[in-house]
Amino acid sequence: MTSGAGTIRVLIADDQQMVRQGFTVLLNTQPDIEVIGQAVDGLDAIARTAELAPDVVLMDIRMPELGGIEATRRITVEHPAVKVLVLTTFDLDEYVYEALRAGASGFLLKDASADKLAEAVRVVAAGDALLAPGITRRLIAEFSRLDGSRRAPLKQRVGDLTERETEVLALIAQGLSNAEIAEQLVVAEQTVKTHVGRILVKLGLRDRTQAAVFAYESGLVRPGGR
């Protein structure tokens, strides 16, 4: 099956057939999104990703054979261009932090509306982070428990950034979009995009979500503010 120009190709990985079919129907109603395949577990997701080269994988966390976290880790290593959007039943899922570290670009609750589902796919495909408020709160709590010895080497890497890049990184971690960062810093959105690109290159990060993780782990952003 071929997609039209600009169409976002999606693979859905979930062990529940009703979930796969439901999301397929919802997403295929969108003019710019096409579900190109389904996977029944983590191993199947890895194989189907290699076969179909989707832009975005909707990944359930809890699946038989191989769970979503390890599948996410392997996919993001073997196929860096593929974005993984993790599906979870609860916004305070115990595996949220692990999946983000594994390379997931964001999270979405399974009971999200059709509009939110489609918008989430678009956001992740565009390279932006997607974190629900409840999930962000949990992440902050997790990062706040990191010990100093683990944080120190990461903090040193922040020194490679310019003052403005450091400022942009902190705003990314707070969940601001490029447009919102541009408005706050009173600069052009394209300027922000340039800063974000340089931040990712300098720190060796794959996307905005990983940049947000780094900002918290390094101590640049702390619970309750910068």
C-alpha atoms as a PDB file:
ATOM      1  CA  MET A   1       0.000   0.000   0.000  1.00  0.00           C
ATOM      2  CA  THR A   2       1.438   3.348  -0.955  1.00  0.00           C
ATOM      3  CA  SER A   3       0.906   6.567   0.926  1.00  0.00           C
ATOM      4  CA  GLY A   4       0.324  10.005  -0.484  1.00  0.00           C
ATOM      5  CA  ALA A   5       2.952  12.701  -0.198  1.00  0.00           C
ATOM      6  CA  GLY A   6       3.193  13.954   3.349  1.00  0.00           C
ATOM      7  CA  THR A   7       1.124  11.111   4.782  1.00  0.00           C
ATOM      8  CA  ILE A   8       2.214   9.895   8.231  1.00  0.00           C
ATOM      9  CA  ARG A   9       2.641   6.116   8.171  1.00  0.00           C
ATOM     10  CA  VAL A  10       1.644   4.430  11.444  1.00  0.00           C
ATOM     11  CA  LEU A  11       2.197   0.946  12.885  1.00  0.00           C
ATOM     12  CA  ILE A  12      -0.011  -0.074  15.825  1.00  0.00           C
ATOM     13  CA  ALA A  13       1.446  -2.536  18.350  1.00  0.00           C
ATOM     14  CA  ASP A  14      -0.991  -3.884  20.945  1.00  0.00           C
ATOM     15  CA  ASP A  15      -1.899  -7.401  22.044  1.00  0.00           C
ATOM     16  CA  GLN A  16      -5.612  -6.552  22.126  1.00  0.00           C
ATOM     17  CA  GLN A  17      -7.259  -6.889  18.725  1.00  0.00           C
ATOM     18  CA  MET A  18     -10.078  -4.479  19.591  1.00  0.00           C
ATOM     19  CA  VAL A  19      -7.567  -1.767  20.485  1.00  0.00           C
ATOM     20  CA  ARG A  20      -5.632  -2.262  17.249  1.00  0.00           C
ATOM     21  CA  GLN A  21      -8.764  -2.225  15.132  1.00  0.00           C
ATOM     22  CA  GLY A  22     -10.267   0.742  16.971  1.00  0.00           C
ATOM     23  CA  PHE A  23      -7.175   2.894  16.567  1.00  0.00           C
ATOM     24  CA  THR A  24      -6.849   1.824  12.941  1.00  0.00           C
ATOM     25  CA  VAL A  25     -10.374   2.978  12.160  1.00  0.00           C
ATOM     26  CA  LEU A  26      -9.911   6.279  14.010  1.00  0.00           C
ATOM     27  CA  LEU A  27      -6.591   7.119  12.383  1.00  0.00           C
ATOM     28  CA  ASN A  28      -7.551   6.088   8.868  1.00  0.00           C
ATOM     29  CA  THR A  29     -10.299   8.712   8.879  1.00  0.00           C
ATOM     30  CA  GLN A  30      -7.569  11.375   8.975  1.00  0.00           C
ATOM     31  CA  PRO A  31      -6.498  12.667   5.544  1.00  0.00           C
ATOM     32  CA  ASP A  32      -2.817  12.872   6.526  1.00  0.00           C
ATOM     33  CA  ILE A  33      -2.454   9.607   8.478  1.00  0.00           C
ATOM     34  CA  GLU A  34      -2.434   6.000   7.277  1.00  0.00           C
ATOM     35  CA  VAL A  35      -2.166   2.850   9.386  1.00  0.00           C
ATOM     36  CA  ILE A  36       0.137   0.591   7.380  1.00  0.00           C
ATOM     37  CA  GLY A  37       0.256  -2.386   9.741  1.00  0.00           C
ATOM     38  CA  GLN A  38      -0.470  -3.957  13.114  1.00  0.00           C
ATOM     39  CA  ALA A  39       1.685  -5.942  15.545  1.00  0.00           C
ATOM     40  CA  VAL A  40       0.513  -8.264  18.314  1.00  0.00           C
ATOM     41  CA  ASP A  41       3.546  -8.002  20.623  1.00  0.00           C
ATOM     42  CA  GLY A  42       6.979  -6.425  20.976  1.00  0.00           C
ATOM     43  CA  LEU A  43       8.825  -8.903  18.777  1.00  0.00           C
ATOM     44  CA  ASP A  44       6.204  -8.521  16.086  1.00  0.00           C
ATOM     45  CA  ALA A  45       6.516  -4.732  16.372  1.00  0.00           C
ATOM     46  CA  ILE A  46      10.267  -4.906  15.794  1.00  0.00           C
ATOM     47  CA  ALA A  47       9.849  -7.166  12.769  1.00  0.00           C
ATOM     48  CA  ARG A  48       7.030  -5.112  11.270  1.00  0.00           C
ATOM     49  CA  THR A  49       8.972  -1.883  11.786  1.00  0.00           C
ATOM     50  CA  ALA A  50      11.905  -3.315   9.833  1.00  0.00           C
ATOM     51  CA  GLU A  51       9.548  -4.510   7.111  1.00  0.00           C
ATOM     52  CA  LEU A  52       7.260  -1.488   6.767  1.00  0.00           C
ATOM     53  CA  ALA A  53       9.417   1.486   7.883  1.00  0.00           C
ATOM     54  CA  PRO A  54       6.612   3.451   9.596  1.00  0.00           C
ATOM     55  CA  ASP A  55       7.011   7.062  10.660  1.00  0.00           C
ATOM     56  CA  VAL A  56       5.345   6.425  14.027  1.00  0.00           C
ATOM     57  CA  VAL A  57       4.780   3.288  16.095  1.00  0.00           C
ATOM     58  CA  LEU A  58       1.898   3.332  18.577  1.00  0.00           C
ATOM     59  CA  MET A  59       3.313   1.020  21.249  1.00  0.00           C
ATOM     60  CA  ASP A  60       1.472  -0.622  24.118  1.00  0.00           C
ATOM     61  CA  ILE A  61       3.667  -1.046  27.207  1.00  0.00           C
ATOM     62  CA  ARG A  62       2.404  -4.409  28.469  1.00  0.00           C
ATOM     63  CA  MET A  63       2.480  -7.133  25.827  1.00  0.00           C
ATOM     64  CA  PRO A  64       3.390 -10.846  25.801  1.00  0.00           C
ATOM     65  CA  GLU A  65       6.637 -12.257  24.331  1.00  0.00           C
ATOM     66  CA  LEU A  66       8.379  -8.882  24.513  1.00  0.00           C
ATOM     67  CA  GLY A  67       7.058  -5.785  26.248  1.00  0.00           C
ATOM     68  CA  GLY A  68       6.794  -2.308  24.814  1.00  0.00           C
ATOM     69  CA  ILE A  69       9.777  -0.884  26.689  1.00  0.00           C
ATOM     70  CA  GLU A  70      12.345  -3.296  25.258  1.00  0.00           C
ATOM     71  CA  ALA A  71      10.673  -3.140  21.842  1.00  0.00           C
ATOM     72  CA  THR A  72      10.915   0.667  21.968  1.00  0.00           C
ATOM     73  CA  ARG A  73      14.592   0.468  22.914  1.00  0.00           C
ATOM     74  CA  ARG A  74      15.427  -1.823  20.006  1.00  0.00           C
ATOM     75  CA  ILE A  75      13.381   0.086  17.459  1.00  0.00           C
ATOM     76  CA  THR A  76      14.823   3.487  18.361  1.00  0.00           C
ATOM     77  CA  VAL A  77      18.379   2.078  18.183  1.00  0.00           C
ATOM     78  CA  GLU A  78      17.908   0.142  14.943  1.00  0.00           C
ATOM     79  CA  HIS A  79      15.627   2.701  13.264  1.00  0.00           C
ATOM     80  CA  PRO A  80      16.491   6.190  14.617  1.00  0.00           C
ATOM     81  CA  ALA A  81      14.067   7.941  12.255  1.00  0.00           C
ATOM     82  CA  VAL A  82      11.067   6.035  13.621  1.00  0.00           C
ATOM     83  CA  LYS A  83       9.159   7.758  16.426  1.00  0.00           C
ATOM     84  CA  VAL A  84       7.513   5.713  19.173  1.00  0.00           C
ATOM     85  CA  LEU A  85       4.349   6.926  20.882  1.00  0.00           C
ATOM     86  CA  VAL A  86       3.659   4.792  23.936  1.00  0.00           C
ATOM     87  CA  LEU A  87       0.089   3.880  24.842  1.00  0.00           C
ATOM     88  CA  THR A  88      -0.789   3.496  28.494  1.00  0.00           C
ATOM     89  CA  THR A  89      -3.960   2.854  30.441  1.00  0.00           C
ATOM     90  CA  PHE A  90      -2.966   5.016  33.412  1.00  0.00           C
ATOM     91  CA  ASP A  91      -1.150   8.333  33.262  1.00  0.00           C
ATOM     92  CA  LEU A  92       0.958   7.331  36.289  1.00  0.00           C
ATOM     93  CA  ASP A  93       2.033   4.038  34.782  1.00  0.00           C
ATOM     94  CA  GLU A  94       5.035   2.627  36.648  1.00  0.00           C
ATOM     95  CA  TYR A  95       6.933   2.086  33.406  1.00  0.00           C
ATOM     96  CA  VAL A  96       6.571   5.596  32.006  1.00  0.00           C
ATOM     97  CA  TYR A  97      10.036   6.714  33.055  1.00  0.00           C
ATOM     98  CA  GLU A  98      11.679   3.545  31.700  1.00  0.00           C
ATOM     99  CA  ALA A  99       9.977   3.877  28.333  1.00  0.00           C
ATOM    100  CA  LEU A 100      11.069   7.502  27.950  1.00  0.00           C
ATOM    101  CA  ARG A 101      14.645   6.515  28.674  1.00  0.00           C
ATOM    102  CA  ALA A 102      14.251   3.706  26.144  1.00  0.00           C
ATOM    103  CA  GLY A 103      13.614   6.320  23.463  1.00  0.00           C
ATOM    104  CA  ALA A 104       9.854   6.892  23.397  1.00  0.00           C
ATOM    105  CA  SER A 105       8.917  10.319  22.049  1.00  0.00           C
ATOM    106  CA  GLY A 106       5.794  10.628  24.143  1.00  0.00           C
ATOM    107  CA  PHE A 107       2.823   9.062  25.864  1.00  0.00           C
ATOM    108  CA  LEU A 108      -0.874   8.888  25.230  1.00  0.00           C
ATOM    109  CA  LEU A 109      -3.687   7.460  27.323  1.00  0.00           C
ATOM    110  CA  LYS A 110      -5.671   4.715  25.619  1.00  0.00           C
ATOM    111  CA  ASP A 111      -8.935   6.511  26.350  1.00  0.00           C
ATOM    112  CA  ALA A 112      -7.846   9.628  24.440  1.00  0.00           C
ATOM    113  CA  SER A 113     -10.337  11.050  21.954  1.00  0.00           C
ATOM    114  CA  ALA A 114      -9.928  10.519  18.211  1.00  0.00           C
ATOM    115  CA  ASP A 115      -8.801  14.131  17.793  1.00  0.00           C
ATOM    116  CA  LYS A 116      -6.178  13.811  20.543  1.00  0.00           C
ATOM    117  CA  LEU A 117      -4.942  10.534  19.089  1.00  0.00           C
ATOM    118  CA  ALA A 118      -4.490  12.038  15.634  1.00  0.00           C
ATOM    119  CA  GLU A 119      -2.868  15.182  16.999  1.00  0.00           C
ATOM    120  CA  ALA A 120      -0.495  13.068  19.121  1.00  0.00           C
ATOM    121  CA  VAL A 121       0.643  11.175  16.038  1.00  0.00           C
ATOM    122  CA  ARG A 122       1.243  14.457  14.198  1.00  0.00           C
ATOM    123  CA  VAL A 123       3.170  15.996  17.097  1.00  0.00           C
ATOM    124  CA  VAL A 124       5.452  12.998  17.501  1.00  0.00           C
ATOM    125  CA  ALA A 125       5.968  12.614  13.744  1.00  0.00           C
ATOM    126  CA  ALA A 126       7.084  16.252  13.618  1.00  0.00           C
ATOM    127  CA  GLY A 127       9.754  15.542  16.222  1.00  0.00           C
ATOM    128  CA  ASP A 128       8.066  17.218  19.171  1.00  0.00           C
ATOM    129  CA  ALA A 129       7.642  15.722  22.633  1.00  0.00           C
ATOM    130  CA  LEU A 130       4.262  14.609  23.906  1.00  0.00           C
ATOM    131  CA  LEU A 131       3.834  14.240  27.649  1.00  0.00           C
ATOM    132  CA  ALA A 132       0.497  14.300  29.432  1.00  0.00           C
ATOM    133  CA  PRO A 133       0.471  16.525  32.555  1.00  0.00           C
ATOM    134  CA  GLY A 134       0.123  13.573  34.932  1.00  0.00           C
ATOM    135  CA  ILE A 135       3.027  11.793  33.292  1.00  0.00           C
ATOM    136  CA  THR A 136       5.166  14.919  33.470  1.00  0.00           C
ATOM    137  CA  ARG A 137       4.528  15.122  37.226  1.00  0.00           C
ATOM    138  CA  ARG A 138       5.694  11.542  37.652  1.00  0.00           C
ATOM    139  CA  LEU A 139       8.815  12.184  35.598  1.00  0.00           C
ATOM    140  CA  ILE A 140       9.712  15.178  37.732  1.00  0.00           C
ATOM    141  CA  ALA A 141       9.347  13.037  40.849  1.00  0.00           C
ATOM    142  CA  GLU A 142      11.590  10.350  39.347  1.00  0.00           C
ATOM    143  CA  PHE A 143      14.266  12.798  38.273  1.00  0.00           C
ATOM    144  CA  SER A 144      14.275  14.505  41.656  1.00  0.00           C
ATOM    145  CA  ARG A 145      15.401  11.220  43.224  1.00  0.00           C
ATOM    146  CA  LEU A 146      18.506  10.901  41.055  1.00  0.00           C
ATOM    147  CA  ASP A 147      21.673  10.983  43.126  1.00  0.00           C
ATOM    148  CA  GLY A 148      24.316  13.627  42.668  1.00  0.00           C
ATOM    149  CA  SER A 149      26.996  11.288  41.298  1.00  0.00           C
ATOM    150  CA  ARG A 150      24.766  10.402  38.357  1.00  0.00           C
ATOM    151  CA  ARG A 151      23.805  14.024  37.741  1.00  0.00           C
ATOM    152  CA  ALA A 152      27.322  15.528  37.831  1.00  0.00           C
ATOM    153  CA  PRO A 153      28.681  14.265  34.474  1.00  0.00           C
ATOM    154  CA  LEU A 154      25.472  15.275  32.742  1.00  0.00           C
ATOM    155  CA  LYS A 155      25.688  18.739  34.259  1.00  0.00           C
ATOM    156  CA  GLN A 156      29.180  19.114  32.810  1.00  0.00           C
ATOM    157  CA  ARG A 157      27.772  18.495  29.316  1.00  0.00           C
ATOM    158  CA  VAL A 158      25.374  21.427  29.764  1.00  0.00           C
ATOM    159  CA  GLY A 159      28.515  23.576  29.725  1.00  0.00           C
ATOM    160  CA  ASP A 160      28.890  22.800  26.021  1.00  0.00           C
ATOM    161  CA  LEU A 161      25.768  24.857  25.324  1.00  0.00           C
ATOM    162  CA  THR A 162      25.602  28.601  24.855  1.00  0.00           C
ATOM    163  CA  GLU A 163      23.609  30.673  27.330  1.00  0.00           C
ATOM    164  CA  ARG A 164      20.680  30.946  24.922  1.00  0.00           C
ATOM    165  CA  GLU A 165      20.770  27.217  24.109  1.00  0.00           C
ATOM    166  CA  THR A 166      20.687  26.440  27.815  1.00  0.00           C
ATOM    167  CA  GLU A 167      17.678  28.701  28.175  1.00  0.00           C
ATOM    168  CA  VAL A 168      15.901  26.993  25.279  1.00  0.00           C
ATOM    169  CA  LEU A 169      16.661  23.547  26.739  1.00  0.00           C
ATOM    170  CA  ALA A 170      15.098  24.533  30.049  1.00  0.00           C
ATOM    171  CA  LEU A 171      11.958  25.720  28.260  1.00  0.00           C
ATOM    172  CA  ILE A 172      11.754  22.478  26.258  1.00  0.00           C
ATOM    173  CA  ALA A 173      11.824  20.570  29.536  1.00  0.00           C
ATOM    174  CA  GLN A 174       8.913  22.659  30.774  1.00  0.00           C
ATOM    175  CA  GLY A 175       6.870  21.404  27.816  1.00  0.00           C
ATOM    176  CA  LEU A 176       6.867  24.548  25.677  1.00  0.00           C
ATOM    177  CA  SER A 177       6.553  24.270  21.898  1.00  0.00           C
ATOM    178  CA  ASN A 178       8.879  26.124  19.528  1.00  0.00           C
ATOM    179  CA  ALA A 179       6.218  28.775  19.006  1.00  0.00           C
ATOM    180  CA  GLU A 180       5.760  29.259  22.758  1.00  0.00           C
ATOM    181  CA  ILE A 181       9.518  29.446  23.313  1.00  0.00           C
ATOM    182  CA  ALA A 182       9.821  31.999  20.514  1.00  0.00           C
ATOM    183  CA  GLU A 183       7.100  34.112  22.094  1.00  0.00           C
ATOM    184  CA  GLN A 184       8.703  33.969  25.534  1.00  0.00           C
ATOM    185  CA  LEU A 185      12.187  34.811  24.258  1.00  0.00           C
ATOM    186  CA  VAL A 186      10.875  37.336  21.717  1.00  0.00           C
ATOM    187  CA  VAL A 187      12.662  35.720  18.793  1.00  0.00           C
ATOM    188  CA  ALA A 188      11.568  34.113  15.506  1.00  0.00           C
ATOM    189  CA  GLU A 189      10.292  30.535  15.641  1.00  0.00           C
ATOM    190  CA  GLN A 190      12.908  29.551  13.050  1.00  0.00           C
ATOM    191  CA  THR A 191      15.596  30.833  15.424  1.00  0.00           C
ATOM    192  CA  VAL A 192      14.251  28.529  18.125  1.00  0.00           C
ATOM    193  CA  LYS A 193      14.272  25.596  15.687  1.00  0.00           C
ATOM    194  CA  THR A 194      17.922  26.335  14.961  1.00  0.00           C
ATOM    195  CA  HIS A 195      18.752  26.393  18.677  1.00  0.00           C
ATOM    196  CA  VAL A 196      16.895  23.115  19.238  1.00  0.00           C
ATOM    197  CA  GLY A 197      18.788  21.453  16.398  1.00  0.00           C
ATOM    198  CA  ARG A 198      22.132  22.587  17.803  1.00  0.00           C
ATOM    199  CA  ILE A 199      21.181  21.399  21.295  1.00  0.00           C
ATOM    200  CA  LEU A 200      20.352  17.917  20.006  1.00  0.00           C
ATOM    201  CA  VAL A 201      23.611  17.700  18.057  1.00  0.00           C
ATOM    202  CA  LYS A 202      25.813  18.985  20.891  1.00  0.00           C
ATOM    203  CA  LEU A 203      24.282  16.663  23.474  1.00  0.00           C
ATOM    204  CA  GLY A 204      23.916  13.679  21.148  1.00  0.00           C
ATOM    205  CA  LEU A 205      20.144  13.457  21.653  1.00  0.00           C
ATOM    206  CA  ARG A 206      17.585  12.096  19.203  1.00  0.00           C
ATOM    207  CA  ASP A 207      14.608  14.388  19.838  1.00  0.00           C
ATOM    208  CA  ARG A 208      12.913  16.919  22.129  1.00  0.00           C
ATOM    209  CA  THR A 209      11.728  14.267  24.549  1.00  0.00           C
ATOM    210  CA  GLN A 210      15.270  13.091  25.137  1.00  0.00           C
ATOM    211  CA  ALA A 211      16.271  16.745  25.556  1.00  0.00           C
ATOM    212  CA  ALA A 212      13.634  17.116  28.277  1.00  0.00           C
ATOM    213  CA  VAL A 213      14.898  13.956  29.990  1.00  0.00           C
ATOM    214  CA  PHE A 214      18.456  15.294  29.859  1.00  0.00           C
ATOM    215  CA  ALA A 215      17.420  18.659  31.302  1.00  0.00           C
ATOM    216  CA  TYR A 216      15.915  16.986  34.371  1.00  0.00           C
ATOM    217  CA  GLU A 217      18.656  14.379  34.793  1.00  0.00           C
ATOM    218  CA  SER A 218      21.381  17.022  34.632  1.00  0.00           C
ATOM    219  CA  GLY A 219      19.654  19.181  37.233  1.00  0.00           C
ATOM    220  CA  LEU A 220      19.203  22.078  34.799  1.00  0.00           C
ATOM    221  CA  VAL A 221      15.485  21.925  35.539  1.00  0.00           C
ATOM    222  CA  ARG A 222      14.302  20.914  38.980  1.00  0.00           C
ATOM    223  CA  PRO A 223      10.910  20.087  40.455  1.00  0.00           C
ATOM    224  CA  GLY A 224       8.987  23.277  41.048  1.00  0.00           C
ATOM    225  CA  GLY A 225      10.876  25.307  38.444  1.00  0.00           C
ATOM    226  CA  ARG A 226      14.287  25.963  36.981  1.00  0.00           C
END
